[in-house]
Amino acid sequence: MLKLQKRNKLLSIVFKYLTVLTLCFSVLLSTACQKDTQEPQDLNVTPVQNSISETPYESPFKEVYSPVHFVYMTENPLVTDTVTKDLKDGFGETYVQVRGYKDKDLQKSINEKVKSFHNSRKELAIPPYRGIKRVITDEFELKEHYINTYPTFSFNNLLSLASNSSLLYSNGDPSKDIYIDFTETLTLDLATGETLHFEDLFVNDADYETVINDYIKRFLDQEFAYEEYQEWFGSIELAAPFKGIHDNPKFFLSYNTLALLLDYETPEFNTHYNTQYLNIPYLELKDILAINERFSADVGNLYLDESAPNIIMISSYDKYVTGKSYQENKDGVDYYINYRYPPSIPKNIVDDFITHLDLDEIPPDNIRTVYKEGSIAFSGEYISVSISMNYSGPDEQYVFQNFFRVYSPVGEILTLEQVFKPDFNYKPIIMSLLEDALSYEQKKFDPNVDELYESLTFRISGDGLYFTTKPVKSSEKEEYPVQFGLPFKQIGLDHLKLFD
């Protein structure tokens, strides 16, 4: 049985720490660890040296112009090895190296660039955060220093890295310990080894500064109007009006967002000795991002692994959602309803969505409690609806049911026939997955697979399609749907209309 209060609390926690979780996970295919045999050196702490080149930047990359449409990503089939150096108690470092190139010289060049970037962090000291010199006095000593350089994005022949330095200063009193962290970033074109500047992400004819500044201003107006804005930003404060992004701001690419770094180089934000992150959803920038056309198109296969790549449909990234939670008793049945959706979802889709959550249904026999929980999200340009329904009665009787639906960019309900190209025979593949997904307990009741196939509903789930059936008996008192996924890479782009 669903417990909505716990689920709602969990959702709040997930949103609260979404930025941190984005940094915690790499999106590369696989990860391994190895020890470096070279004798490590202590991490140096030296004054920060900031130098801004006066030479205008000239992009080495090809020009790309509108229109573009960045709604899906293709994963790089590379392996990353994590190199760890434990220097001494409280001091250490971690960085990555890649493998899987056909061109070993290019692979070596990429790895040298990553390692050089990582090693450059050892020369960085305490950054000039506001008021930090008054806090770290001579009585404080550096007790811990870790440098962690890790990938945040490996798609479309790009590799984006974040390198975080965390420091702990102490005067012997643990209650007065001072924690500091700061992050630098690097994004590389894996076809050439060239370093990207911020402007290289966008089409040449885009006024990307205005687009991004307008988004940030709207976000801040919403965020700092919120009574408890610290729930999102943590310890950040808006110290001065935001006037716009700086030239070539610090950034990294992540799974669904372009992340801008807020630190000592963005003085309008007081981040309290830490780096904070402002995430801009790719779907907000889909018409100006040149990532696919500039770095993937017309590039031969760079990698040893020539199997079909993993394809990811970019999902929405919404903090501000609307919806409703309520409890009602009708005809002796207790209903608990909870649903959420982004305000940008068209009204006709929301209305249709809510009809599947209303109380006019006739529940299964002997049911006394009904939980319904629903959500709507963007998947690329499509909109996916998910509703879970749990029915319970006396004597531990349970029926679990799901309902999925996908809407096209123009708001029409999408059928399976509209997902696949006409010459692709998808039914045998789905039938095979359906039969394999039946549990041992469900098979005991000899379900009709053809009927289950006809009952299928589906949604788009990042890397593929996700299916659910009507409930199937798994015991005399329990019924569950059969659920399974079909990855885009198993189908292939050539057989899908979704990516046309």
Protein backbone atom coordinates (compact mmCIF):
# COMPACT_ATOMS: atom_id res chain seq x y z
CA MET A 1 0.00 0.00 0.00
CA LEU A 2 1.27 3.44 -0.86
CA LYS A 3 1.86 5.82 2.02
CA LEU A 4 1.36 9.22 0.49
CA GLN A 5 2.70 11.29 3.33
CA LYS A 6 6.00 9.47 3.28
CA ARG A 7 6.11 9.62 -0.50
CA ASN A 8 5.43 13.36 -0.47
CA LYS A 9 8.14 13.93 2.09
CA LEU A 10 10.51 11.87 -0.03
CA LEU A 11 9.67 13.95 -3.10
CA SER A 12 10.44 17.13 -1.16
CA ILE A 13 13.80 15.76 -0.11
CA VAL A 14 14.58 14.70 -3.67
CA PHE A 15 13.87 18.21 -4.99
CA LYS A 16 15.81 19.79 -2.16
CA TYR A 17 18.97 17.92 -2.94
CA LEU A 18 18.58 17.46 -6.67
CA THR A 19 21.54 19.73 -7.46
CA VAL A 20 23.83 17.78 -5.17
CA LEU A 21 22.68 14.44 -6.59
CA THR A 22 23.34 15.64 -10.12
CA LEU A 23 27.00 16.05 -9.17
CA CYS A 24 27.23 12.71 -7.40
CA PHE A 25 26.55 10.53 -10.41
CA SER A 26 28.53 10.12 -13.67
CA VAL A 27 26.71 9.28 -16.89
CA LEU A 28 29.44 7.21 -18.49
CA LEU A 29 28.88 3.57 -19.50
CA SER A 30 31.04 1.96 -16.85
CA THR A 31 33.53 2.83 -14.14
CA ALA A 32 36.53 1.00 -12.79
CA CYS A 33 39.14 1.85 -10.17
CA GLN A 34 42.88 1.54 -10.29
CA LYS A 35 45.81 2.64 -8.16
CA ASP A 36 48.44 4.94 -9.61
CA THR A 37 51.92 3.53 -9.16
CA GLN A 38 53.58 6.95 -9.29
CA GLU A 39 54.70 8.27 -5.91
CA PRO A 40 52.23 11.07 -5.11
CA GLN A 41 53.21 14.51 -3.91
CA ASP A 42 51.50 16.53 -1.19
CA LEU A 43 48.81 18.91 -2.40
CA ASN A 44 50.09 22.45 -2.52
CA VAL A 45 48.29 25.44 -1.08
CA THR A 46 49.31 28.68 -2.76
CA PRO A 47 47.66 32.07 -3.34
CA VAL A 48 45.01 32.19 -6.02
CA GLN A 49 46.22 33.67 -9.28
CA ASN A 50 43.42 34.95 -11.49
CA SER A 51 44.34 36.06 -14.98
CA ILE A 52 41.90 36.92 -17.74
CA SER A 53 43.22 36.81 -21.28
CA GLU A 54 42.67 40.00 -23.26
CA THR A 55 42.88 38.10 -26.55
CA PRO A 56 39.39 37.68 -28.04
CA TYR A 57 38.32 34.07 -28.18
CA GLU A 58 38.06 32.54 -31.64
CA SER A 59 36.13 29.29 -31.63
CA PRO A 60 37.89 26.35 -33.32
CA PHE A 61 34.56 24.64 -33.98
CA LYS A 62 32.37 24.72 -37.05
CA GLU A 63 29.63 27.29 -37.36
CA VAL A 64 26.07 26.11 -36.79
CA TYR A 65 22.95 28.18 -37.38
CA SER A 66 19.29 27.87 -36.52
CA PRO A 67 17.09 25.91 -36.65
CA VAL A 68 18.26 23.25 -34.19
CA HIS A 69 16.34 21.01 -31.84
CA PHE A 70 18.23 19.42 -28.96
CA VAL A 71 15.81 16.92 -27.40
CA TYR A 72 17.86 13.71 -27.15
CA MET A 73 21.45 12.68 -26.48
CA THR A 74 23.67 9.82 -27.66
CA GLU A 75 25.94 8.30 -25.02
CA ASN A 76 29.67 7.99 -25.71
CA PRO A 77 30.70 4.29 -25.56
CA LEU A 78 33.78 5.00 -23.46
CA VAL A 79 34.98 3.40 -20.24
CA THR A 80 36.32 5.57 -17.44
CA ASP A 81 38.91 4.44 -14.93
CA THR A 82 38.99 6.20 -11.60
CA VAL A 83 42.49 6.89 -10.30
CA THR A 84 42.73 7.38 -6.54
CA LYS A 85 45.70 8.69 -4.59
CA ASP A 86 45.59 8.50 -0.81
CA LEU A 87 48.39 10.86 0.17
CA LYS A 88 48.07 10.81 3.95
CA ASP A 89 45.39 11.16 6.59
CA GLY A 90 43.00 13.88 5.51
CA PHE A 91 44.64 14.48 2.14
CA GLY A 92 43.81 12.77 -1.13
CA GLU A 93 42.74 13.08 -4.73
CA THR A 94 40.70 11.32 -7.39
CA TYR A 95 40.53 11.82 -11.13
CA VAL A 96 39.44 9.88 -14.21
CA GLN A 97 41.01 8.56 -17.38
CA VAL A 98 39.12 7.30 -20.42
CA ARG A 99 39.63 4.36 -22.75
CA GLY A 100 37.84 2.90 -25.74
CA TYR A 101 39.21 5.06 -28.57
CA LYS A 102 40.24 3.67 -31.93
CA ASP A 103 42.89 6.40 -32.13
CA LYS A 104 45.22 5.72 -29.19
CA ASP A 105 47.11 8.98 -29.75
CA LEU A 106 43.87 10.95 -29.42
CA GLN A 107 42.96 8.93 -26.32
CA LYS A 108 46.36 9.73 -24.80
CA SER A 109 45.93 13.42 -25.61
CA ILE A 110 42.49 13.52 -23.96
CA ASN A 111 43.80 11.78 -20.84
CA GLU A 112 46.78 14.11 -20.59
CA LYS A 113 44.46 17.09 -20.81
CA VAL A 114 42.22 15.70 -18.07
CA LYS A 115 45.19 14.96 -15.82
CA SER A 116 46.75 18.36 -16.47
CA PHE A 117 43.45 20.02 -15.56
CA HIS A 118 43.28 17.98 -12.38
CA ASN A 119 46.89 18.70 -11.43
CA SER A 120 46.34 22.42 -11.93
CA ARG A 121 43.85 22.30 -9.08
CA LYS A 122 46.65 21.47 -6.65
CA GLU A 123 48.03 24.97 -7.06
CA LEU A 124 44.75 26.62 -6.17
CA ALA A 125 44.37 27.93 -2.65
CA ILE A 126 41.58 29.49 -0.67
CA PRO A 127 39.49 31.45 -3.16
CA PRO A 128 38.54 35.04 -2.31
CA TYR A 129 35.12 34.33 -0.87
CA ARG A 130 33.49 37.30 0.82
CA GLY A 131 34.93 37.79 4.33
CA ILE A 132 37.02 34.62 4.36
CA LYS A 133 40.25 36.35 5.44
CA ARG A 134 38.57 37.52 8.63
CA VAL A 135 37.50 33.96 9.44
CA ILE A 136 40.61 31.89 8.74
CA THR A 137 43.16 33.46 11.05
CA ASP A 138 46.68 32.30 11.90
CA GLU A 139 45.37 29.96 14.58
CA PHE A 140 43.65 27.79 11.94
CA GLU A 141 45.49 24.94 10.26
CA LEU A 142 44.59 22.98 7.14
CA LYS A 143 43.54 19.51 8.33
CA GLU A 144 41.83 18.02 5.27
CA HIS A 145 42.19 18.65 1.54
CA TYR A 146 40.55 16.51 -1.12
CA ILE A 147 40.43 17.07 -4.86
CA ASN A 148 37.88 15.07 -6.84
CA THR A 149 37.76 15.42 -10.63
CA TYR A 150 34.86 13.48 -12.13
CA PRO A 151 32.72 13.39 -15.28
CA THR A 152 29.27 14.95 -15.25
CA PHE A 153 28.37 14.35 -18.91
CA SER A 154 29.57 12.00 -21.65
CA PHE A 155 27.27 12.33 -24.63
CA ASN A 156 27.44 13.53 -28.24
CA ASN A 157 31.26 13.33 -28.36
CA LEU A 158 31.57 15.73 -25.42
CA LEU A 159 33.09 15.07 -22.02
CA SER A 160 32.27 17.51 -19.24
CA LEU A 161 34.22 17.42 -15.97
CA ALA A 162 33.86 19.05 -12.58
CA SER A 163 36.82 19.26 -10.23
CA ASN A 164 35.91 19.93 -6.63
CA SER A 165 38.38 20.96 -3.93
CA SER A 166 37.16 20.59 -0.36
CA LEU A 167 39.17 21.92 2.57
CA LEU A 168 38.79 21.76 6.33
CA TYR A 169 40.52 24.29 8.58
CA SER A 170 40.63 23.77 12.34
CA ASN A 171 41.97 25.56 15.40
CA GLY A 172 41.57 22.46 17.55
CA ASP A 173 37.98 23.18 18.52
CA PRO A 174 35.70 20.99 16.33
CA SER A 175 32.79 23.36 16.89
CA LYS A 176 34.72 26.08 15.07
CA ASP A 177 35.90 24.01 12.09
CA ILE A 178 35.65 25.86 8.77
CA TYR A 179 34.66 23.98 5.62
CA ILE A 180 35.42 25.41 2.20
CA ASP A 181 34.82 24.02 -1.26
CA PHE A 182 35.25 25.38 -4.74
CA THR A 183 34.88 23.86 -8.17
CA GLU A 184 36.45 24.34 -11.59
CA THR A 185 35.17 22.79 -14.80
CA LEU A 186 36.40 21.53 -18.15
CA THR A 187 34.42 20.44 -21.21
CA LEU A 188 36.24 18.72 -24.08
CA ASP A 189 35.37 17.83 -27.65
CA LEU A 190 36.29 14.14 -27.77
CA ALA A 191 36.83 14.26 -31.53
CA THR A 192 39.58 16.88 -31.37
CA GLY A 193 40.57 17.35 -27.74
CA GLU A 194 39.69 21.05 -27.94
CA THR A 195 38.31 22.83 -24.89
CA LEU A 196 34.84 24.35 -25.17
CA HIS A 197 34.01 27.88 -24.17
CA PHE A 198 30.50 28.70 -23.08
CA GLU A 199 29.59 30.21 -26.45
CA ASP A 200 30.52 26.97 -28.24
CA LEU A 201 27.39 25.33 -26.87
CA PHE A 202 25.07 27.55 -28.89
CA VAL A 203 24.22 28.26 -32.50
CA ASN A 204 26.10 31.19 -33.98
CA ASP A 205 23.00 33.27 -34.63
CA ALA A 206 21.55 32.93 -31.12
CA ASP A 207 21.44 35.71 -28.56
CA TYR A 208 22.11 33.10 -25.89
CA GLU A 209 23.04 35.65 -23.21
CA THR A 210 19.57 37.19 -23.36
CA VAL A 211 17.85 33.79 -23.35
CA ILE A 212 19.83 32.62 -20.31
CA ASN A 213 19.63 35.92 -18.44
CA ASP A 214 15.87 36.05 -18.92
CA TYR A 215 15.53 32.50 -17.61
CA ILE A 216 17.70 33.22 -14.56
CA LYS A 217 15.81 36.44 -13.77
CA ARG A 218 12.48 34.62 -13.96
CA PHE A 219 13.88 31.86 -11.78
CA LEU A 220 15.23 34.30 -9.19
CA ASP A 221 11.99 36.27 -9.11
CA GLN A 222 10.22 33.04 -8.30
CA GLU A 223 12.90 31.66 -6.00
CA PHE A 224 13.51 34.67 -3.79
CA ALA A 225 9.84 35.48 -3.59
CA TYR A 226 9.50 32.10 -1.92
CA GLU A 227 9.38 32.52 1.83
CA GLU A 228 11.81 29.67 2.45
CA TYR A 229 14.07 30.02 -0.57
CA GLN A 230 16.94 28.42 1.37
CA GLU A 231 15.21 25.09 0.75
CA TRP A 232 16.54 25.24 -2.80
CA PHE A 233 19.71 27.30 -2.60
CA GLY A 234 20.95 26.10 0.81
CA SER A 235 23.19 28.79 2.26
CA ILE A 236 23.16 31.14 -0.73
CA GLU A 237 22.05 34.76 -0.48
CA LEU A 238 21.36 37.28 -3.20
CA ALA A 239 23.79 40.04 -2.18
CA ALA A 240 23.13 42.34 -5.15
CA PRO A 241 20.77 42.51 -8.12
CA PHE A 242 21.53 39.98 -10.81
CA LYS A 243 22.62 41.88 -13.95
CA GLY A 244 23.49 39.00 -16.23
CA ILE A 245 25.97 36.21 -16.79
CA HIS A 246 29.64 37.03 -17.17
CA ASP A 247 31.73 36.38 -20.27
CA ASN A 248 32.52 32.65 -20.53
CA PRO A 249 31.01 31.73 -17.14
CA LYS A 250 31.97 28.54 -15.36
CA PHE A 251 29.70 25.72 -16.47
CA PHE A 252 29.39 22.01 -16.90
CA LEU A 253 26.93 19.82 -18.74
CA SER A 254 24.89 17.33 -16.75
CA TYR A 255 22.23 14.74 -17.48
CA ASN A 256 19.30 17.06 -18.19
CA THR A 257 20.64 20.53 -17.43
CA LEU A 258 23.29 23.11 -18.16
CA ALA A 259 24.81 23.92 -14.77
CA LEU A 260 26.21 27.39 -14.03
CA LEU A 261 28.56 27.73 -11.07
CA LEU A 262 27.98 30.37 -8.41
CA ASP A 263 31.04 31.18 -6.31
CA TYR A 264 33.52 33.98 -5.62
CA GLU A 265 33.41 34.94 -9.32
CA THR A 266 29.69 35.75 -9.04
CA PRO A 267 29.71 38.33 -6.20
CA GLU A 268 26.00 39.08 -6.54
CA PHE A 269 25.51 35.67 -4.93
CA ASN A 270 26.91 35.17 -1.44
CA THR A 271 27.56 31.42 -1.35
CA HIS A 272 29.25 31.29 2.08
CA TYR A 273 32.58 29.67 1.14
CA ASN A 274 30.99 27.05 -1.11
CA THR A 275 30.18 26.56 -4.76
CA GLN A 276 26.49 26.49 -5.58
CA TYR A 277 24.88 25.48 -8.87
CA LEU A 278 22.13 27.01 -10.95
CA ASN A 279 20.65 24.43 -13.31
CA ILE A 280 19.03 25.46 -16.58
CA PRO A 281 16.99 22.67 -18.21
CA TYR A 282 18.11 21.71 -21.70
CA LEU A 283 14.50 21.84 -22.82
CA GLU A 284 14.54 25.58 -22.05
CA LEU A 285 17.46 25.91 -24.48
CA LYS A 286 16.58 23.24 -27.05
CA ASP A 287 16.23 25.74 -29.91
CA ILE A 288 19.68 27.32 -29.42
CA LEU A 289 21.91 24.43 -28.25
CA ALA A 290 24.20 23.26 -31.07
CA ILE A 291 25.55 20.22 -29.24
CA ASN A 292 24.32 17.64 -31.73
CA GLU A 293 24.98 19.53 -34.97
CA ARG A 294 28.40 20.84 -33.93
CA PHE A 295 29.91 17.83 -32.18
CA SER A 296 28.04 14.71 -33.38
CA ALA A 297 26.92 15.30 -36.95
CA ASP A 298 29.40 14.39 -39.71
CA VAL A 299 31.81 12.82 -37.21
CA GLY A 300 32.95 9.26 -37.89
CA ASN A 301 32.88 6.61 -35.19
CA LEU A 302 35.68 7.42 -32.76
CA TYR A 303 35.22 4.42 -30.52
CA LEU A 304 36.09 0.73 -30.47
CA ASP A 305 32.58 -0.17 -29.37
CA GLU A 306 30.51 0.02 -32.55
CA SER A 307 27.31 -1.43 -31.12
CA ALA A 308 24.15 0.68 -31.06
CA PRO A 309 24.65 3.57 -28.63
CA ASN A 310 22.46 4.35 -25.67
CA ILE A 311 19.95 7.08 -26.55
CA ILE A 312 18.51 9.37 -23.90
CA MET A 313 15.40 11.49 -24.42
CA ILE A 314 15.94 14.69 -22.45
CA SER A 315 13.47 14.97 -19.59
CA SER A 316 11.94 18.00 -17.93
CA TYR A 317 13.52 19.48 -14.84
CA ASP A 318 10.91 21.37 -12.87
CA LYS A 319 11.12 22.55 -9.32
CA TYR A 320 7.92 24.52 -9.39
CA VAL A 321 4.96 22.22 -9.88
CA THR A 322 1.31 22.51 -9.08
CA GLY A 323 -1.30 19.92 -8.19
CA LYS A 324 -3.48 18.73 -5.38
CA SER A 325 -3.53 16.35 -2.42
CA TYR A 326 -6.75 15.44 -0.69
CA GLN A 327 -8.65 12.73 1.18
CA GLU A 328 -12.32 11.90 0.77
CA ASN A 329 -14.74 9.16 1.74
CA LYS A 330 -17.29 8.12 -0.84
CA ASP A 331 -19.77 5.27 -0.41
CA GLY A 332 -17.69 3.80 2.40
CA VAL A 333 -14.42 3.91 0.45
CA ASP A 334 -11.53 6.12 1.60
CA TYR A 335 -9.79 7.86 -1.30
CA TYR A 336 -6.32 9.40 -1.00
CA ILE A 337 -5.44 11.42 -4.09
CA ASN A 338 -2.13 13.13 -4.86
CA TYR A 339 -1.01 14.55 -8.21
CA ARG A 340 1.60 16.99 -9.50
CA TYR A 341 2.44 18.54 -12.85
CA PRO A 342 4.43 21.50 -14.25
CA PRO A 343 2.34 24.65 -14.82
CA SER A 344 3.41 24.67 -18.49
CA ILE A 345 1.43 21.50 -19.27
CA PRO A 346 -1.50 22.38 -21.61
CA LYS A 347 -4.87 22.57 -19.88
CA ASN A 348 -6.55 19.93 -22.06
CA ILE A 349 -3.89 17.39 -21.04
CA VAL A 350 -4.24 18.29 -17.36
CA ASP A 351 -8.02 17.92 -17.57
CA ASP A 352 -7.70 14.51 -19.21
CA PHE A 353 -5.13 13.50 -16.60
CA ILE A 354 -7.40 14.47 -13.72
CA THR A 355 -10.31 12.41 -15.08
CA HIS A 356 -8.26 9.29 -14.35
CA LEU A 357 -7.93 10.40 -10.73
CA ASP A 358 -11.55 11.24 -9.96
CA LEU A 359 -13.80 9.36 -7.56
CA ASP A 360 -16.53 8.35 -10.02
CA GLU A 361 -14.95 5.00 -10.79
CA ILE A 362 -16.33 1.74 -9.46
CA PRO A 363 -13.52 0.14 -7.44
CA PRO A 364 -12.98 -3.64 -7.33
CA ASP A 365 -15.22 -5.64 -4.99
CA ASN A 366 -14.59 -5.43 -1.24
CA ILE A 367 -12.19 -2.48 -1.61
CA ARG A 368 -12.18 -0.05 1.30
CA THR A 369 -9.12 2.13 0.58
CA VAL A 370 -7.88 3.65 -2.69
CA TYR A 371 -4.58 5.47 -3.21
CA LYS A 372 -4.00 7.32 -6.47
CA GLU A 373 -0.82 9.16 -7.30
CA GLY A 374 -0.13 10.87 -10.61
CA SER A 375 2.50 12.97 -12.34
CA ILE A 376 3.11 14.58 -15.72
CA ALA A 377 6.54 15.27 -17.22
CA PHE A 378 8.11 16.36 -20.47
CA SER A 379 10.21 13.79 -22.32
CA GLY A 380 11.84 15.66 -25.15
CA GLU A 381 8.91 17.35 -26.88
CA TYR A 382 6.47 14.69 -25.71
CA ILE A 383 4.45 14.66 -22.52
CA SER A 384 4.23 11.50 -20.42
CA VAL A 385 1.49 10.83 -17.88
CA SER A 386 1.92 8.28 -15.09
CA ILE A 387 -0.73 7.23 -12.59
CA SER A 388 -0.41 4.51 -9.96
CA MET A 389 -3.53 3.18 -8.25
CA ASN A 390 -3.50 0.90 -5.22
CA TYR A 391 -6.67 -0.70 -3.91
CA SER A 392 -6.88 -2.53 -0.59
CA GLY A 393 -9.59 -4.32 1.30
CA PRO A 394 -10.12 -6.54 4.32
CA ASP A 395 -8.16 -9.76 4.75
CA GLU A 396 -5.07 -8.30 3.01
CA GLN A 397 -6.70 -7.99 -0.38
CA TYR A 398 -4.63 -5.83 -2.75
CA VAL A 399 -4.97 -4.72 -6.36
CA PHE A 400 -2.21 -2.61 -7.91
CA GLN A 401 -2.78 -0.85 -11.20
CA ASN A 402 -0.90 1.64 -13.38
CA PHE A 403 -1.96 3.86 -16.22
CA PHE A 404 0.42 5.53 -18.69
CA ARG A 405 -0.22 7.88 -21.58
CA VAL A 406 1.94 9.89 -24.00
CA TYR A 407 0.92 13.07 -25.81
CA SER A 408 2.49 14.37 -28.99
CA PRO A 409 3.96 17.91 -29.24
CA VAL A 410 0.58 19.11 -30.54
CA GLY A 411 -1.30 17.53 -27.63
CA GLU A 412 -2.67 14.41 -29.31
CA ILE A 413 -2.64 10.99 -27.62
CA LEU A 414 0.21 8.94 -29.04
CA THR A 415 -0.41 5.33 -30.06
CA LEU A 416 2.21 2.60 -30.46
CA GLU A 417 1.72 2.74 -34.22
CA GLN A 418 2.77 6.39 -34.13
CA VAL A 419 5.97 5.61 -32.21
CA PHE A 420 7.51 3.24 -34.77
CA LYS A 421 8.27 3.52 -38.47
CA PRO A 422 5.71 1.70 -40.70
CA ASP A 423 8.16 -0.98 -41.85
CA PHE A 424 9.20 -1.99 -38.32
CA ASN A 425 7.44 -5.04 -36.84
CA TYR A 426 7.49 -4.12 -33.18
CA LYS A 427 4.78 -6.48 -31.86
CA PRO A 428 6.94 -9.67 -31.62
CA ILE A 429 9.57 -7.75 -29.62
CA ILE A 430 7.02 -6.36 -27.18
CA MET A 431 5.23 -9.72 -26.86
CA SER A 432 8.52 -11.43 -26.03
CA LEU A 433 9.36 -8.82 -23.38
CA LEU A 434 5.86 -9.14 -21.93
CA GLU A 435 6.10 -12.92 -21.61
CA ASP A 436 9.54 -12.67 -20.01
CA ALA A 437 8.28 -10.09 -17.51
CA LEU A 438 5.51 -12.33 -16.14
CA SER A 439 6.45 -13.50 -12.68
CA TYR A 440 6.48 -17.14 -11.63
CA GLU A 441 3.46 -16.50 -9.40
CA GLN A 442 1.51 -14.80 -12.20
CA LYS A 443 2.20 -17.64 -14.64
CA LYS A 444 0.53 -20.06 -12.22
CA PHE A 445 -2.79 -18.41 -13.06
CA ASP A 446 -2.23 -18.86 -16.81
CA PRO A 447 -2.90 -15.26 -17.93
CA ASN A 448 -3.94 -14.60 -21.51
CA VAL A 449 -0.90 -12.86 -23.03
CA ASP A 450 -2.86 -11.54 -26.02
CA GLU A 451 -5.30 -9.83 -23.66
CA LEU A 452 -2.41 -8.39 -21.67
CA TYR A 453 -0.87 -7.03 -24.86
CA GLU A 454 -4.13 -5.31 -25.78
CA SER A 455 -4.26 -3.74 -22.30
CA LEU A 456 -0.79 -2.19 -22.59
CA THR A 457 -0.25 1.49 -21.92
CA PHE A 458 3.17 3.13 -22.18
CA ARG A 459 5.21 6.21 -21.36
CA ILE A 460 8.61 7.57 -22.38
CA SER A 461 11.24 7.00 -19.71
CA GLY A 462 14.48 8.67 -20.66
CA ASP A 463 16.27 5.82 -22.41
CA GLY A 464 13.25 4.00 -23.81
CA LEU A 465 9.60 3.08 -23.59
CA TYR A 466 8.09 1.73 -20.38
CA PHE A 467 5.00 -0.48 -20.49
CA THR A 468 2.36 -1.63 -18.03
CA THR A 469 -0.57 -4.04 -18.33
CA LYS A 470 -3.85 -4.47 -16.54
CA PRO A 471 -3.53 -6.21 -13.13
CA VAL A 472 -2.70 -9.93 -13.19
CA LYS A 473 -3.34 -12.35 -10.35
CA SER A 474 -0.25 -13.36 -8.42
CA SER A 475 -2.14 -14.95 -5.51
CA GLU A 476 -5.73 -15.43 -4.42
CA LYS A 477 -5.65 -11.99 -2.78
CA GLU A 478 -3.21 -9.97 -4.86
CA GLU A 479 -3.11 -8.61 -8.40
CA TYR A 480 -0.21 -6.73 -9.97
CA PRO A 481 0.42 -5.32 -13.45
CA VAL A 482 3.21 -6.67 -15.64
CA GLN A 483 5.78 -3.93 -16.28
CA PHE A 484 8.82 -3.84 -18.55
CA GLY A 485 10.99 -1.51 -20.59
CA LEU A 486 12.11 -1.39 -24.21
CA PRO A 487 15.33 0.67 -24.63
CA PHE A 488 15.64 2.98 -27.62
CA LYS A 489 19.02 1.42 -28.41
CA GLN A 490 17.35 -1.98 -28.83
CA ILE A 491 14.95 -0.48 -31.36
CA GLY A 492 17.38 1.84 -33.13
CA LEU A 493 16.86 5.43 -34.24
CA ASP A 494 16.07 4.30 -37.78
CA HIS A 495 12.90 2.56 -36.57
CA LEU A 496 11.55 5.34 -34.36
CA LYS A 497 9.38 8.28 -35.40
CA LEU A 498 10.01 9.98 -32.05
CA PHE A 499 13.37 11.33 -33.20
CA ASP A 500 12.39 12.51 -36.69
